[in-house]
Amino acid sequence: MASHGTVQRPSTTTSTSPTLPTTHPHEPKDSTPRVRLEFSLCFPFNIPKTPEAAAARIIRNLSYYRLYYTLFIWIILFITLLPKRKLSLLFLIAMTALTCSFLAVMRLVPADSVVLQYKIIDRRLVLALLVIATMVELIVTRAAIHLFVTLACATPVILVHAVFRVRDDLCVEEKASAAGELVPLIKNTEPKLSDSV
């Protein structure tokens, strides 16, 4: 009787050496020192410690956020004029278009031009005249109550924001004056050359 079976071969055991850890393909291969950035979070609103700090913060925020404050007043005025005062609304849109056109033209004029060098056209004066003309047009078209109610409602909100708002690139460490707010938000800690040698 023939035996059908499996032929057993001698097992060959090979000694394997421990594998070295391979580097990840996405890891950088150079050994240059890395720059570490430390982020410190700060709340963008706080109470100023002194009246001088509050006044300095109001002046700084009014100059920094003046476009946003103007847009805030303009949107409230636009919404209040929308239902009934169509003529006043048209005058407001026309003066807004004129102001935007003036600002666009003044952006195209180089800073060292003869027009700006001899102060033939002063931007602040023209913008103030445009604001006064807009207010006069609103008063003439019987929308004075809308204008004054809008200013009475928007001005306290703007002043509260200007007092309590700390700019994004400033931190909240205040001392006796507003100069204490000038602390950077991001600290760059680079390794020194003496440390790497």
N, C-alpha and C. Protein backbone atom coordinates (compact mmCIF):
# COMPACT_ATOMS: atom_id res chain seq x y z
N MET A 1 0.85 -1.16 0.00
CA MET A 1 0.00 0.00 0.00
C MET A 1 0.89 1.22 0.00
N ALA A 2 0.62 2.05 -0.97
CA ALA A 2 1.45 3.25 -1.09
C ALA A 2 0.88 4.33 -0.21
N SER A 3 1.76 4.95 0.45
CA SER A 3 1.32 6.04 1.34
C SER A 3 1.43 7.36 0.61
N HIS A 4 0.32 7.99 0.56
CA HIS A 4 0.32 9.33 -0.05
C HIS A 4 0.34 10.35 1.08
N GLY A 5 1.36 11.03 1.18
CA GLY A 5 1.46 12.02 2.25
C GLY A 5 2.25 13.23 1.78
N THR A 6 2.36 14.11 2.66
CA THR A 6 3.11 15.32 2.32
C THR A 6 4.55 15.11 2.67
N VAL A 7 5.35 15.65 1.86
CA VAL A 7 6.79 15.55 2.10
C VAL A 7 7.16 16.70 3.02
N GLN A 8 7.74 16.38 4.12
CA GLN A 8 8.16 17.42 5.06
C GLN A 8 9.58 17.82 4.77
N ARG A 9 9.71 19.08 4.51
CA ARG A 9 11.04 19.61 4.26
C ARG A 9 11.59 20.19 5.54
N PRO A 10 12.85 20.12 5.70
CA PRO A 10 13.41 20.71 6.93
C PRO A 10 13.24 22.22 6.91
N SER A 11 12.78 22.73 8.03
CA SER A 11 12.55 24.18 8.11
C SER A 11 13.88 24.89 8.26
N THR A 12 14.01 25.89 7.47
CA THR A 12 15.25 26.68 7.56
C THR A 12 14.95 27.94 8.34
N THR A 13 15.59 28.07 9.43
CA THR A 13 15.40 29.26 10.25
C THR A 13 16.55 30.22 9.97
N THR A 14 16.16 31.38 9.63
CA THR A 14 17.19 32.42 9.39
C THR A 14 17.10 33.44 10.50
N SER A 15 18.22 33.81 10.98
CA SER A 15 18.25 34.81 12.04
C SER A 15 18.12 36.19 11.41
N THR A 16 17.09 36.87 11.83
CA THR A 16 16.89 38.21 11.28
C THR A 16 17.42 39.23 12.27
N SER A 17 18.09 40.19 11.74
CA SER A 17 18.59 41.28 12.59
C SER A 17 17.47 42.28 12.83
N PRO A 18 17.48 42.93 13.97
CA PRO A 18 16.40 43.89 14.25
C PRO A 18 16.42 45.02 13.22
N THR A 19 15.21 45.36 12.75
CA THR A 19 15.13 46.42 11.72
C THR A 19 15.27 47.79 12.37
N LEU A 20 15.95 48.65 11.68
CA LEU A 20 16.13 50.02 12.15
C LEU A 20 14.86 50.81 11.88
N PRO A 21 14.52 51.70 12.76
CA PRO A 21 13.30 52.49 12.51
C PRO A 21 13.52 53.39 11.29
N THR A 22 12.56 53.33 10.40
CA THR A 22 12.66 54.16 9.20
C THR A 22 11.99 55.50 9.45
N THR A 23 12.50 56.48 8.80
CA THR A 23 11.92 57.81 8.95
C THR A 23 10.67 57.92 8.10
N HIS A 24 9.77 58.73 8.58
CA HIS A 24 8.51 58.95 7.86
C HIS A 24 8.81 59.75 6.60
N PRO A 25 8.18 59.42 5.47
CA PRO A 25 8.53 60.13 4.23
C PRO A 25 8.16 61.61 4.24
N HIS A 26 7.25 62.03 5.13
CA HIS A 26 6.86 63.44 5.18
C HIS A 26 7.66 64.25 6.17
N GLU A 27 8.54 63.61 6.92
CA GLU A 27 9.34 64.35 7.89
C GLU A 27 10.50 65.03 7.18
N PRO A 28 10.83 66.25 7.61
CA PRO A 28 11.99 66.91 6.99
C PRO A 28 13.28 66.20 7.38
N LYS A 29 14.22 66.13 6.44
CA LYS A 29 15.46 65.40 6.70
C LYS A 29 16.60 66.29 7.14
N ASP A 30 16.41 67.59 7.06
CA ASP A 30 17.50 68.47 7.49
C ASP A 30 17.39 68.71 8.99
N SER A 31 18.49 69.08 9.55
CA SER A 31 18.54 69.28 11.01
C SER A 31 18.68 70.75 11.36
N THR A 32 18.09 71.62 10.57
CA THR A 32 18.16 73.05 10.88
C THR A 32 17.23 73.35 12.04
N PRO A 33 17.59 74.32 12.88
CA PRO A 33 16.72 74.64 14.02
C PRO A 33 15.41 75.25 13.55
N ARG A 34 14.34 74.85 14.20
CA ARG A 34 13.02 75.34 13.83
C ARG A 34 12.67 76.58 14.64
N VAL A 35 11.86 77.44 14.03
CA VAL A 35 11.40 78.64 14.71
C VAL A 35 10.11 78.30 15.44
N ARG A 36 10.09 78.57 16.71
CA ARG A 36 8.90 78.30 17.52
C ARG A 36 8.12 79.58 17.71
N LEU A 37 6.84 79.51 17.48
CA LEU A 37 5.96 80.65 17.71
C LEU A 37 5.07 80.33 18.91
N GLU A 38 5.03 81.25 19.84
CA GLU A 38 4.17 81.08 20.99
C GLU A 38 3.00 82.04 20.85
N PHE A 39 1.79 81.49 20.84
CA PHE A 39 0.60 82.30 20.70
C PHE A 39 -0.02 82.52 22.08
N SER A 40 -0.38 83.75 22.33
CA SER A 40 -1.10 84.03 23.56
C SER A 40 -2.44 84.63 23.18
N LEU A 41 -3.51 84.03 23.67
CA LEU A 41 -4.85 84.50 23.35
C LEU A 41 -5.23 85.63 24.28
N CYS A 42 -5.83 86.64 23.71
CA CYS A 42 -6.31 87.73 24.55
C CYS A 42 -7.70 88.11 24.11
N PHE A 43 -8.53 88.48 25.06
CA PHE A 43 -9.90 88.88 24.80
C PHE A 43 -9.88 90.28 24.20
N PRO A 44 -10.61 90.54 23.10
CA PRO A 44 -10.49 91.83 22.42
C PRO A 44 -11.17 92.99 23.12
N PHE A 45 -11.81 92.77 24.25
CA PHE A 45 -12.48 93.85 24.97
C PHE A 45 -12.00 93.85 26.42
N ASN A 46 -11.74 95.03 26.93
CA ASN A 46 -11.46 95.18 28.36
C ASN A 46 -11.74 96.61 28.79
N ILE A 47 -11.76 96.81 30.08
CA ILE A 47 -12.07 98.13 30.62
C ILE A 47 -10.76 98.90 30.80
N PRO A 48 -10.66 100.12 30.25
CA PRO A 48 -9.44 100.89 30.47
C PRO A 48 -9.30 101.29 31.93
N LYS A 49 -8.06 101.34 32.38
CA LYS A 49 -7.82 101.56 33.81
C LYS A 49 -7.92 103.03 34.20
N THR A 50 -7.59 103.93 33.29
CA THR A 50 -7.61 105.36 33.60
C THR A 50 -8.42 106.10 32.55
N PRO A 51 -8.92 107.28 32.87
CA PRO A 51 -9.61 108.09 31.85
C PRO A 51 -8.70 108.48 30.69
N GLU A 52 -7.40 108.67 30.97
CA GLU A 52 -6.47 108.99 29.89
C GLU A 52 -6.33 107.83 28.92
N ALA A 53 -6.30 106.60 29.46
CA ALA A 53 -6.22 105.43 28.60
C ALA A 53 -7.49 105.28 27.78
N ALA A 54 -8.65 105.61 28.37
CA ALA A 54 -9.91 105.54 27.63
C ALA A 54 -9.94 106.56 26.50
N ALA A 55 -9.48 107.79 26.79
CA ALA A 55 -9.47 108.82 25.74
C ALA A 55 -8.51 108.46 24.61
N ALA A 56 -7.34 107.95 24.97
CA ALA A 56 -6.38 107.54 23.94
C ALA A 56 -6.93 106.38 23.11
N ARG A 57 -7.62 105.47 23.77
CA ARG A 57 -8.19 104.33 23.04
C ARG A 57 -9.32 104.77 22.12
N ILE A 58 -10.14 105.75 22.55
CA ILE A 58 -11.21 106.25 21.70
C ILE A 58 -10.63 106.90 20.44
N ILE A 59 -9.59 107.73 20.62
CA ILE A 59 -8.99 108.40 19.47
C ILE A 59 -8.37 107.38 18.52
N ARG A 60 -7.67 106.41 19.07
CA ARG A 60 -7.03 105.40 18.23
C ARG A 60 -8.06 104.54 17.49
N ASN A 61 -9.11 104.12 18.19
CA ASN A 61 -10.12 103.28 17.55
C ASN A 61 -10.97 104.04 16.55
N LEU A 62 -11.23 105.33 16.80
CA LEU A 62 -11.98 106.13 15.83
C LEU A 62 -11.19 106.29 14.54
N SER A 63 -9.88 106.40 14.64
CA SER A 63 -9.09 106.51 13.42
C SER A 63 -8.88 105.15 12.75
N TYR A 64 -8.84 104.09 13.54
CA TYR A 64 -8.57 102.76 12.99
C TYR A 64 -9.83 102.12 12.39
N TYR A 65 -10.98 102.31 13.04
CA TYR A 65 -12.23 101.70 12.60
C TYR A 65 -13.18 102.71 11.96
N ARG A 66 -12.68 103.82 11.47
CA ARG A 66 -13.57 104.87 10.98
C ARG A 66 -14.42 104.41 9.80
N LEU A 67 -13.88 103.58 8.92
CA LEU A 67 -14.67 103.08 7.80
C LEU A 67 -15.82 102.20 8.29
N TYR A 68 -15.55 101.34 9.27
CA TYR A 68 -16.60 100.46 9.80
C TYR A 68 -17.67 101.26 10.54
N TYR A 69 -17.26 102.27 11.30
CA TYR A 69 -18.23 103.10 11.99
C TYR A 69 -19.10 103.86 10.98
N THR A 70 -18.49 104.37 9.91
CA THR A 70 -19.26 105.08 8.89
C THR A 70 -20.25 104.14 8.21
N LEU A 71 -19.80 102.93 7.89
CA LEU A 71 -20.71 101.95 7.28
C LEU A 71 -21.85 101.57 8.23
N PHE A 72 -21.55 101.49 9.51
CA PHE A 72 -22.58 101.17 10.50
C PHE A 72 -23.66 102.25 10.52
N ILE A 73 -23.25 103.52 10.56
CA ILE A 73 -24.22 104.63 10.54
C ILE A 73 -24.98 104.65 9.22
N TRP A 74 -24.26 104.42 8.11
CA TRP A 74 -24.89 104.46 6.79
C TRP A 74 -25.95 103.38 6.65
N ILE A 75 -25.67 102.17 7.14
CA ILE A 75 -26.64 101.08 7.02
C ILE A 75 -27.89 101.36 7.85
N ILE A 76 -27.69 101.89 9.07
CA ILE A 76 -28.86 102.21 9.90
C ILE A 76 -29.69 103.31 9.24
N LEU A 77 -29.02 104.33 8.70
CA LEU A 77 -29.73 105.42 8.03
C LEU A 77 -30.46 104.90 6.78
N PHE A 78 -29.80 104.02 6.04
CA PHE A 78 -30.42 103.45 4.84
C PHE A 78 -31.68 102.67 5.20
N ILE A 79 -31.62 101.88 6.28
CA ILE A 79 -32.78 101.08 6.69
C ILE A 79 -33.92 101.97 7.17
N THR A 80 -33.60 103.06 7.89
CA THR A 80 -34.67 103.94 8.37
C THR A 80 -35.30 104.74 7.24
N LEU A 81 -34.54 105.05 6.19
CA LEU A 81 -35.10 105.82 5.07
C LEU A 81 -35.84 104.94 4.07
N LEU A 82 -35.61 103.66 4.12
CA LEU A 82 -36.14 102.76 3.08
C LEU A 82 -37.66 102.74 2.97
N PRO A 83 -38.43 102.70 4.06
CA PRO A 83 -39.87 102.54 3.87
C PRO A 83 -40.57 103.75 3.24
N LYS A 84 -40.28 104.98 3.72
CA LYS A 84 -41.10 106.12 3.31
C LYS A 84 -40.34 107.22 2.58
N ARG A 85 -39.08 107.42 2.86
CA ARG A 85 -38.34 108.56 2.31
C ARG A 85 -37.54 108.15 1.09
N LYS A 86 -38.20 107.97 -0.04
CA LYS A 86 -37.53 107.51 -1.25
C LYS A 86 -36.60 108.58 -1.82
N LEU A 87 -37.04 109.85 -1.81
CA LEU A 87 -36.21 110.93 -2.35
C LEU A 87 -34.96 111.12 -1.51
N SER A 88 -35.10 111.07 -0.20
CA SER A 88 -33.93 111.18 0.68
C SER A 88 -32.98 110.01 0.47
N LEU A 89 -33.55 108.83 0.22
CA LEU A 89 -32.74 107.66 -0.02
C LEU A 89 -31.95 107.80 -1.32
N LEU A 90 -32.57 108.37 -2.35
CA LEU A 90 -31.86 108.61 -3.61
C LEU A 90 -30.73 109.61 -3.43
N PHE A 91 -30.97 110.67 -2.66
CA PHE A 91 -29.90 111.63 -2.39
C PHE A 91 -28.75 110.99 -1.60
N LEU A 92 -29.09 110.14 -0.65
CA LEU A 92 -28.06 109.46 0.13
C LEU A 92 -27.21 108.55 -0.76
N ILE A 93 -27.86 107.81 -1.64
CA ILE A 93 -27.12 106.92 -2.55
C ILE A 93 -26.27 107.72 -3.51
N ALA A 94 -26.80 108.86 -4.01
CA ALA A 94 -26.03 109.69 -4.94
C ALA A 94 -24.79 110.29 -4.26
N MET A 95 -24.93 110.76 -3.03
CA MET A 95 -23.79 111.32 -2.32
C MET A 95 -22.78 110.23 -1.94
N THR A 96 -23.27 109.03 -1.67
CA THR A 96 -22.36 107.92 -1.39
C THR A 96 -21.56 107.57 -2.63
N ALA A 97 -22.23 107.54 -3.79
CA ALA A 97 -21.51 107.26 -5.04
C ALA A 97 -20.49 108.35 -5.35
N LEU A 98 -20.84 109.60 -5.09
CA LEU A 98 -19.90 110.71 -5.32
C LEU A 98 -18.70 110.61 -4.39
N THR A 99 -18.94 110.26 -3.12
CA THR A 99 -17.84 110.12 -2.17
C THR A 99 -16.93 108.97 -2.54
N CYS A 100 -17.50 107.84 -2.94
CA CYS A 100 -16.68 106.69 -3.34
C CYS A 100 -15.87 107.01 -4.60
N SER A 101 -16.47 107.75 -5.54
CA SER A 101 -15.73 108.15 -6.75
C SER A 101 -14.57 109.08 -6.40
N PHE A 102 -14.80 110.01 -5.49
CA PHE A 102 -13.73 110.92 -5.06
C PHE A 102 -12.59 110.14 -4.41
N LEU A 103 -12.93 109.19 -3.53
CA LEU A 103 -11.89 108.41 -2.87
C LEU A 103 -11.12 107.54 -3.87
N ALA A 104 -11.82 107.02 -4.88
CA ALA A 104 -11.14 106.21 -5.90
C ALA A 104 -10.18 107.06 -6.72
N VAL A 105 -10.60 108.28 -7.07
CA VAL A 105 -9.72 109.18 -7.84
C VAL A 105 -8.52 109.58 -7.00
N MET A 106 -8.74 109.85 -5.72
CA MET A 106 -7.62 110.26 -4.86
C MET A 106 -6.64 109.11 -4.64
N ARG A 107 -7.12 107.88 -4.73
CA ARG A 107 -6.20 106.74 -4.63
C ARG A 107 -5.33 106.61 -5.85
N LEU A 108 -5.87 107.01 -7.00
CA LEU A 108 -5.09 106.92 -8.24
C LEU A 108 -4.03 108.01 -8.35
N VAL A 109 -4.26 109.12 -7.66
CA VAL A 109 -3.29 110.22 -7.71
C VAL A 109 -2.09 109.84 -6.86
N PRO A 110 -0.86 109.89 -7.40
CA PRO A 110 0.30 109.54 -6.58
C PRO A 110 0.51 110.53 -5.44
N ALA A 111 1.14 110.04 -4.38
CA ALA A 111 1.30 110.86 -3.18
C ALA A 111 2.23 112.04 -3.39
N ASP A 112 3.17 111.95 -4.35
CA ASP A 112 4.11 113.04 -4.57
C ASP A 112 3.69 113.94 -5.74
N SER A 113 2.40 113.95 -6.06
CA SER A 113 1.94 114.77 -7.18
C SER A 113 1.82 116.23 -6.75
N VAL A 114 1.72 117.10 -7.73
CA VAL A 114 1.64 118.55 -7.46
C VAL A 114 0.33 118.87 -6.75
N VAL A 115 -0.73 118.14 -7.08
CA VAL A 115 -2.04 118.42 -6.49
C VAL A 115 -2.00 118.22 -4.98
N LEU A 116 -1.39 117.11 -4.54
CA LEU A 116 -1.33 116.83 -3.10
C LEU A 116 -0.16 117.53 -2.43
N GLN A 117 0.90 117.83 -3.19
CA GLN A 117 2.08 118.43 -2.57
C GLN A 117 1.78 119.86 -2.11
N TYR A 118 1.08 120.61 -2.91
CA TYR A 118 0.74 121.98 -2.54
C TYR A 118 -0.62 122.07 -1.87
N LYS A 119 -1.19 120.91 -1.53
CA LYS A 119 -2.46 120.83 -0.79
C LYS A 119 -3.57 121.61 -1.48
N ILE A 120 -3.63 121.47 -2.82
CA ILE A 120 -4.74 122.09 -3.54
C ILE A 120 -6.03 121.38 -3.17
N ILE A 121 -5.97 120.07 -3.03
CA ILE A 121 -7.13 119.29 -2.61
C ILE A 121 -6.79 118.59 -1.31
N ASP A 122 -7.50 118.93 -0.27
CA ASP A 122 -7.32 118.26 1.02
C ASP A 122 -8.44 117.24 1.19
N ARG A 123 -8.08 116.00 1.39
CA ARG A 123 -9.08 114.93 1.47
C ARG A 123 -10.06 115.14 2.61
N ARG A 124 -9.54 115.50 3.77
CA ARG A 124 -10.42 115.64 4.93
C ARG A 124 -11.43 116.76 4.73
N LEU A 125 -10.99 117.85 4.11
CA LEU A 125 -11.90 118.97 3.87
C LEU A 125 -12.99 118.57 2.89
N VAL A 126 -12.62 117.87 1.82
CA VAL A 126 -13.63 117.46 0.83
C VAL A 126 -14.60 116.45 1.44
N LEU A 127 -14.08 115.50 2.22
CA LEU A 127 -14.97 114.52 2.86
C LEU A 127 -15.90 115.19 3.87
N ALA A 128 -15.38 116.18 4.61
CA ALA A 128 -16.24 116.91 5.54
C ALA A 128 -17.33 117.68 4.79
N LEU A 129 -16.97 118.28 3.66
CA LEU A 129 -17.98 119.00 2.86
C LEU A 129 -19.03 118.04 2.30
N LEU A 130 -18.60 116.84 1.90
CA LEU A 130 -19.57 115.86 1.40
C LEU A 130 -20.51 115.39 2.50
N VAL A 131 -20.00 115.21 3.71
CA VAL A 131 -20.86 114.82 4.84
C VAL A 131 -21.85 115.93 5.16
N ILE A 132 -21.37 117.18 5.17
CA ILE A 132 -22.27 118.31 5.46
C ILE A 132 -23.34 118.43 4.37
N ALA A 133 -22.93 118.25 3.10
CA ALA A 133 -23.90 118.33 2.01
C ALA A 133 -24.95 117.22 2.12
N THR A 134 -24.52 116.04 2.51
CA THR A 134 -25.47 114.93 2.70
C THR A 134 -26.46 115.24 3.81
N MET A 135 -25.97 115.80 4.91
CA MET A 135 -26.85 116.14 6.03
C MET A 135 -27.84 117.23 5.63
N VAL A 136 -27.37 118.22 4.88
CA VAL A 136 -28.27 119.30 4.43
C VAL A 136 -29.33 118.75 3.49
N GLU A 137 -28.94 117.87 2.59
CA GLU A 137 -29.92 117.27 1.68
C GLU A 137 -30.96 116.46 2.43
N LEU A 138 -30.54 115.74 3.45
CA LEU A 138 -31.50 114.96 4.23
C LEU A 138 -32.44 115.87 5.01
N ILE A 139 -31.94 117.00 5.50
CA ILE A 139 -32.80 117.93 6.23
C ILE A 139 -33.78 118.60 5.28
N VAL A 140 -33.31 118.98 4.08
CA VAL A 140 -34.18 119.65 3.11
C VAL A 140 -35.28 118.70 2.62
N THR A 141 -34.97 117.43 2.49
CA THR A 141 -35.98 116.46 2.02
C THR A 141 -36.81 115.88 3.17
N ARG A 142 -36.82 116.57 4.29
CA ARG A 142 -37.65 116.24 5.45
C ARG A 142 -37.31 114.88 6.06
N ALA A 143 -36.05 114.54 6.04
CA ALA A 143 -35.60 113.30 6.69
C ALA A 143 -34.68 113.61 7.87
N ALA A 144 -34.84 114.82 8.43
CA ALA A 144 -33.97 115.22 9.55
C ALA A 144 -34.20 114.34 10.77
N ILE A 145 -35.45 113.97 11.02
CA ILE A 145 -35.73 113.14 12.19
C ILE A 145 -35.05 111.78 12.06
N HIS A 146 -35.02 111.24 10.83
CA HIS A 146 -34.34 109.95 10.61
C HIS A 146 -32.84 110.09 10.84
N LEU A 147 -32.29 111.21 10.37
CA LEU A 147 -30.85 111.43 10.54
C LEU A 147 -30.48 111.57 12.01
N PHE A 148 -31.23 112.37 12.76
CA PHE A 148 -30.89 112.61 14.16
C PHE A 148 -31.15 111.38 15.02
N VAL A 149 -32.20 110.62 14.72
CA VAL A 149 -32.45 109.38 15.47
C VAL A 149 -31.35 108.37 15.20
N THR A 150 -30.92 108.29 13.93
CA THR A 150 -29.83 107.37 13.59
C THR A 150 -28.55 107.75 14.31
N LEU A 151 -28.21 109.05 14.31
CA LEU A 151 -27.00 109.50 15.00
C LEU A 151 -27.12 109.31 16.51
N ALA A 152 -28.31 109.55 17.07
CA ALA A 152 -28.50 109.37 18.51
C ALA A 152 -28.40 107.91 18.92
N CYS A 153 -28.81 106.99 18.03
CA CYS A 153 -28.72 105.57 18.37
C CYS A 153 -27.34 104.99 18.09
N ALA A 154 -26.68 105.45 17.02
CA ALA A 154 -25.42 104.84 16.61
C ALA A 154 -24.23 105.40 17.38
N THR A 155 -24.28 106.66 17.77
CA THR A 155 -23.12 107.27 18.44
C THR A 155 -22.78 106.60 19.78
N PRO A 156 -23.75 106.33 20.67
CA PRO A 156 -23.37 105.62 21.91
C PRO A 156 -22.79 104.23 21.66
N VAL A 157 -23.33 103.51 20.67
CA VAL A 157 -22.80 102.18 20.37
C VAL A 157 -21.36 102.28 19.89
N ILE A 158 -21.09 103.27 19.04
CA ILE A 158 -19.72 103.46 18.53
C ILE A 158 -18.78 103.86 19.65
N LEU A 159 -19.22 104.75 20.53
CA LEU A 159 -18.35 105.18 21.63
C LEU A 159 -18.07 104.03 22.61
N VAL A 160 -19.06 103.21 22.89
CA VAL A 160 -18.83 102.06 23.78
C VAL A 160 -17.84 101.09 23.14
N HIS A 161 -18.01 100.85 21.85
CA HIS A 161 -17.07 99.97 21.15
C HIS A 161 -15.67 100.56 21.16
N ALA A 162 -15.56 101.87 20.92
CA ALA A 162 -14.24 102.51 20.88
C ALA A 162 -13.57 102.52 22.24
N VAL A 163 -14.34 102.56 23.32
CA VAL A 163 -13.74 102.56 24.66
C VAL A 163 -13.25 101.17 25.05
N PHE A 164 -14.05 100.15 24.77
CA PHE A 164 -13.75 98.82 25.28
C PHE A 164 -12.96 97.95 24.31
N ARG A 165 -12.87 98.32 23.05
CA ARG A 165 -12.23 97.46 22.05
C ARG A 165 -10.72 97.63 22.07
N VAL A 166 -10.02 96.50 22.16
CA VAL A 166 -8.57 96.48 22.04
C VAL A 166 -8.26 95.93 20.66
N ARG A 167 -7.34 96.55 19.95
CA ARG A 167 -7.05 96.10 18.59
C ARG A 167 -6.50 94.69 18.60
N ASP A 168 -6.66 93.98 17.45
CA ASP A 168 -6.26 92.57 17.38
C ASP A 168 -4.76 92.38 17.52
N ASP A 169 -3.96 93.35 17.10
CA ASP A 169 -2.52 93.19 17.17
C ASP A 169 -1.93 93.74 18.45
N LEU A 170 -2.79 94.08 19.40
CA LEU A 170 -2.33 94.56 20.70
C LEU A 170 -2.84 93.62 21.78
N CYS A 171 -2.11 93.57 22.87
CA CYS A 171 -2.54 92.72 23.97
C CYS A 171 -3.09 93.60 25.09
N VAL A 172 -3.56 92.98 26.12
CA VAL A 172 -4.36 93.71 27.08
C VAL A 172 -3.60 94.16 28.32
N GLU A 173 -2.29 94.12 28.28
CA GLU A 173 -1.53 94.56 29.44
C GLU A 173 -1.48 96.07 29.47
N GLU A 174 -2.24 96.67 30.36
CA GLU A 174 -2.27 98.11 30.46
C GLU A 174 -1.61 98.54 31.76
N LYS A 175 -0.88 99.64 31.66
CA LYS A 175 -0.30 100.23 32.86
C LYS A 175 -1.08 101.49 33.18
N ALA A 176 -0.43 102.51 33.63
CA ALA A 176 -1.14 103.71 34.02
C ALA A 176 -1.67 104.50 32.83
N SER A 177 -1.13 104.30 31.66
CA SER A 177 -1.60 105.03 30.48
C SER A 177 -1.87 104.07 29.35
N ALA A 178 -2.27 104.62 28.22
CA ALA A 178 -2.60 103.78 27.06
C ALA A 178 -1.36 103.17 26.43
N ALA A 179 -0.19 103.67 26.76
CA ALA A 179 1.04 103.08 26.21
C ALA A 179 1.26 101.67 26.71
N GLY A 180 0.57 101.30 27.79
CA GLY A 180 0.69 99.95 28.30
C GLY A 180 0.04 98.90 27.43
N GLU A 181 -0.77 99.32 26.42
CA GLU A 181 -1.42 98.36 25.54
C GLU A 181 -0.52 97.89 24.43
N LEU A 182 0.65 98.45 24.29
CA LEU A 182 1.51 98.15 23.15
C LEU A 182 2.36 96.92 23.40
N VAL A 183 1.72 95.80 23.66
CA VAL A 183 2.41 94.53 23.86
C VAL A 183 2.06 93.62 22.69
N PRO A 184 3.04 93.00 22.02
CA PRO A 184 2.71 92.21 20.84
C PRO A 184 1.93 90.95 21.19
N LEU A 185 1.10 90.52 20.25
CA LEU A 185 0.28 89.33 20.45
C LEU A 185 1.07 88.05 20.22
N ILE A 186 2.01 88.07 19.27
CA ILE A 186 2.80 86.88 18.94
C ILE A 186 4.24 87.13 19.35
N LYS A 187 4.79 86.23 20.11
CA LYS A 187 6.19 86.34 20.51
C LYS A 187 7.00 85.36 19.70
N ASN A 188 8.04 85.85 19.05
CA ASN A 188 8.90 85.01 18.21
C ASN A 188 10.10 84.59 19.02
N THR A 189 10.21 83.31 19.32
CA THR A 189 11.33 82.81 20.12
C THR A 189 12.19 81.96 19.21
N GLU A 190 13.23 82.53 18.64
CA GLU A 190 14.15 81.81 17.79
C GLU A 190 15.34 81.34 18.62
N PRO A 191 15.87 80.17 18.33
CA PRO A 191 17.05 79.72 19.07
C PRO A 191 18.26 80.58 18.70
N LYS A 192 19.04 80.89 19.70
CA LYS A 192 20.21 81.71 19.47
C LYS A 192 21.32 80.88 18.83
N LEU A 193 22.26 81.57 18.22
CA LEU A 193 23.37 80.88 17.58
C LEU A 193 24.27 80.21 18.62
N SER A 194 24.39 80.82 19.78
CA SER A 194 25.24 80.24 20.82
C SER A 194 24.66 78.95 21.36
N ASP A 195 23.29 78.81 21.32
CA ASP A 195 22.68 77.60 21.81
C ASP A 195 22.89 76.42 20.88
N SER A 196 22.93 76.70 19.55
CA SER A 196 23.06 75.61 18.60
C SER A 196 24.48 75.15 18.41
N VAL A 197 25.46 75.94 18.83
CA VAL A 197 26.87 75.57 18.66
C VAL A 197 27.30 74.67 19.81
